Amino acid sequence: MNVIDCQIVETRELRAMARHMDKLQGKVERLERDRAVLFWMFVIASMALGYVLANVPV
């Protein structure tokens, strides 16, 4: 059986951890927004390239 050590977490450590988690969550949200923007930029650029290539006279 494993022995579990219990530690008392100080309020200041808990607040510091909460701030750190909030900062990481903000970074995740920003990356999700950036990913969505880049996806739609790729879709629009692909459609524009397809349109240009389809209208090239042979």
N, C-alpha and C. Protein backbone atom coordinates (compact mmCIF):
# COMPACT_ATOMS: atom_id res chain seq x y z
N MET A 1 0.83 -1.17 0.00
CA MET A 1 0.00 0.00 0.00
C MET A 1 0.88 1.25 0.00
N ASN A 2 0.48 2.25 -0.73
CA ASN A 2 1.24 3.49 -0.80
C ASN A 2 0.85 4.42 0.33
N VAL A 3 1.83 5.12 0.84
CA VAL A 3 1.58 6.10 1.87
C VAL A 3 1.41 7.46 1.20
N ILE A 4 0.35 8.15 1.53
CA ILE A 4 0.07 9.47 0.95
C ILE A 4 0.46 10.53 1.97
N ASP A 5 1.36 11.41 1.57
CA ASP A 5 1.76 12.51 2.44
C ASP A 5 0.80 13.68 2.24
N CYS A 6 0.30 14.20 3.31
CA CYS A 6 -0.60 15.35 3.24
C CYS A 6 0.20 16.61 3.54
N GLN A 7 -0.06 17.65 2.76
CA GLN A 7 0.59 18.93 2.98
C GLN A 7 -0.49 19.99 3.09
N ILE A 8 -0.20 20.95 3.91
CA ILE A 8 -1.11 22.09 4.03
C ILE A 8 -0.67 23.12 2.99
N VAL A 9 -1.60 23.48 2.13
CA VAL A 9 -1.30 24.46 1.09
C VAL A 9 -1.66 25.83 1.63
N GLU A 10 -0.69 26.70 1.61
CA GLU A 10 -0.93 28.06 2.08
C GLU A 10 -1.80 28.82 1.10
N THR A 11 -2.53 29.77 1.62
CA THR A 11 -3.43 30.56 0.78
C THR A 11 -2.66 31.28 -0.31
N ARG A 12 -1.49 31.78 0.00
CA ARG A 12 -0.70 32.51 -0.99
C ARG A 12 -0.25 31.59 -2.12
N GLU A 13 0.11 30.35 -1.78
CA GLU A 13 0.49 29.38 -2.82
C GLU A 13 -0.71 29.02 -3.69
N LEU A 14 -1.85 28.90 -3.05
CA LEU A 14 -3.07 28.58 -3.80
C LEU A 14 -3.43 29.71 -4.76
N ARG A 15 -3.31 30.95 -4.30
CA ARG A 15 -3.59 32.10 -5.18
C ARG A 15 -2.60 32.17 -6.32
N ALA A 16 -1.32 31.89 -6.03
CA ALA A 16 -0.30 31.92 -7.08
C ALA A 16 -0.59 30.85 -8.12
N MET A 17 -1.00 29.68 -7.67
CA MET A 17 -1.33 28.60 -8.60
C MET A 17 -2.56 28.97 -9.44
N ALA A 18 -3.55 29.60 -8.81
CA ALA A 18 -4.75 30.02 -9.54
C ALA A 18 -4.41 31.06 -10.60
N ARG A 19 -3.52 32.02 -10.26
CA ARG A 19 -3.10 33.02 -11.25
C ARG A 19 -2.38 32.35 -12.42
N HIS A 20 -1.52 31.40 -12.10
CA HIS A 20 -0.77 30.70 -13.14
C HIS A 20 -1.73 29.91 -14.06
N MET A 21 -2.71 29.25 -13.46
CA MET A 21 -3.69 28.50 -14.26
C MET A 21 -4.52 29.44 -15.13
N ASP A 22 -4.89 30.60 -14.60
CA ASP A 22 -5.65 31.58 -15.39
C ASP A 22 -4.82 32.07 -16.58
N LYS A 23 -3.53 32.30 -16.34
CA LYS A 23 -2.65 32.74 -17.42
C LYS A 23 -2.55 31.67 -18.50
N LEU A 24 -2.42 30.41 -18.08
CA LEU A 24 -2.34 29.32 -19.06
C LEU A 24 -3.65 29.18 -19.82
N GLN A 25 -4.77 29.33 -19.14
CA GLN A 25 -6.07 29.24 -19.80
C GLN A 25 -6.22 30.35 -20.84
N GLY A 26 -5.74 31.56 -20.51
CA GLY A 26 -5.79 32.66 -21.46
C GLY A 26 -4.96 32.37 -22.70
N LYS A 27 -3.79 31.73 -22.50
CA LYS A 27 -2.95 31.37 -23.63
C LYS A 27 -3.64 30.32 -24.50
N VAL A 28 -4.31 29.37 -23.88
CA VAL A 28 -5.02 28.34 -24.64
C VAL A 28 -6.13 28.97 -25.47
N GLU A 29 -6.89 29.88 -24.86
CA GLU A 29 -7.97 30.54 -25.59
C GLU A 29 -7.42 31.34 -26.77
N ARG A 30 -6.29 32.01 -26.57
CA ARG A 30 -5.68 32.79 -27.65
C ARG A 30 -5.23 31.87 -28.78
N LEU A 31 -4.63 30.74 -28.44
CA LEU A 31 -4.19 29.81 -29.46
C LEU A 31 -5.37 29.23 -30.24
N GLU A 32 -6.48 28.98 -29.55
CA GLU A 32 -7.67 28.48 -30.25
C GLU A 32 -8.20 29.52 -31.23
N ARG A 33 -8.20 30.80 -30.81
CA ARG A 33 -8.64 31.88 -31.72
C ARG A 33 -7.71 31.98 -32.91
N ASP A 34 -6.39 31.94 -32.66
CA ASP A 34 -5.42 32.05 -33.74
C ASP A 34 -5.57 30.89 -34.72
N ARG A 35 -5.82 29.69 -34.19
CA ARG A 35 -5.99 28.53 -35.06
C ARG A 35 -7.20 28.70 -35.96
N ALA A 36 -8.29 29.22 -35.41
CA ALA A 36 -9.50 29.44 -36.21
C ALA A 36 -9.25 30.48 -37.30
N VAL A 37 -8.57 31.56 -36.95
CA VAL A 37 -8.27 32.61 -37.93
C VAL A 37 -7.38 32.07 -39.05
N LEU A 38 -6.34 31.33 -38.68
CA LEU A 38 -5.45 30.77 -39.70
C LEU A 38 -6.16 29.77 -40.59
N PHE A 39 -7.07 28.99 -40.00
CA PHE A 39 -7.84 28.03 -40.82
C PHE A 39 -8.65 28.76 -41.87
N TRP A 40 -9.38 29.82 -41.47
CA TRP A 40 -10.21 30.53 -42.44
C TRP A 40 -9.36 31.29 -43.46
N MET A 41 -8.18 31.79 -43.04
CA MET A 41 -7.29 32.42 -44.02
C MET A 41 -6.83 31.39 -45.06
N PHE A 42 -6.54 30.17 -44.61
CA PHE A 42 -6.13 29.11 -45.52
C PHE A 42 -7.26 28.76 -46.48
N VAL A 43 -8.48 28.67 -45.98
CA VAL A 43 -9.64 28.35 -46.83
C VAL A 43 -9.83 29.42 -47.89
N ILE A 44 -9.77 30.68 -47.48
CA ILE A 44 -9.97 31.78 -48.44
C ILE A 44 -8.85 31.80 -49.47
N ALA A 45 -7.60 31.62 -49.03
CA ALA A 45 -6.47 31.62 -49.97
C ALA A 45 -6.57 30.44 -50.94
N SER A 46 -7.02 29.30 -50.45
CA SER A 46 -7.17 28.13 -51.33
C SER A 46 -8.26 28.37 -52.37
N MET A 47 -9.35 28.95 -51.93
CA MET A 47 -10.43 29.24 -52.88
C MET A 47 -9.98 30.26 -53.92
N ALA A 48 -9.24 31.27 -53.49
CA ALA A 48 -8.75 32.29 -54.42
C ALA A 48 -7.79 31.66 -55.42
N LEU A 49 -6.90 30.80 -54.96
CA LEU A 49 -5.96 30.13 -55.86
C LEU A 49 -6.71 29.25 -56.85
N GLY A 50 -7.70 28.52 -56.37
CA GLY A 50 -8.50 27.69 -57.27
C GLY A 50 -9.23 28.52 -58.31
N TYR A 51 -9.74 29.66 -57.91
CA TYR A 51 -10.43 30.55 -58.85
C TYR A 51 -9.47 31.07 -59.91
N VAL A 52 -8.28 31.48 -59.47
CA VAL A 52 -7.28 32.00 -60.41
C VAL A 52 -6.85 30.90 -61.38
N LEU A 53 -6.57 29.72 -60.86
CA LEU A 53 -6.11 28.62 -61.72
C LEU A 53 -7.20 28.15 -62.67
N ALA A 54 -8.47 28.22 -62.25
CA ALA A 54 -9.57 27.78 -63.11
C ALA A 54 -9.80 28.77 -64.26
N ASN A 55 -9.43 30.01 -64.10
CA ASN A 55 -9.66 31.02 -65.13
C ASN A 55 -8.43 31.32 -65.98
N VAL A 56 -7.39 30.49 -65.87
CA VAL A 56 -6.19 30.71 -66.68
C VAL A 56 -6.47 30.23 -68.09
N PRO A 57 -6.26 31.10 -69.08
CA PRO A 57 -6.49 30.64 -70.47
C PRO A 57 -5.39 29.64 -70.89
N VAL A 58 -5.83 28.62 -71.61
CA VAL A 58 -4.88 27.57 -72.01
C VAL A 58 -4.41 27.80 -73.43
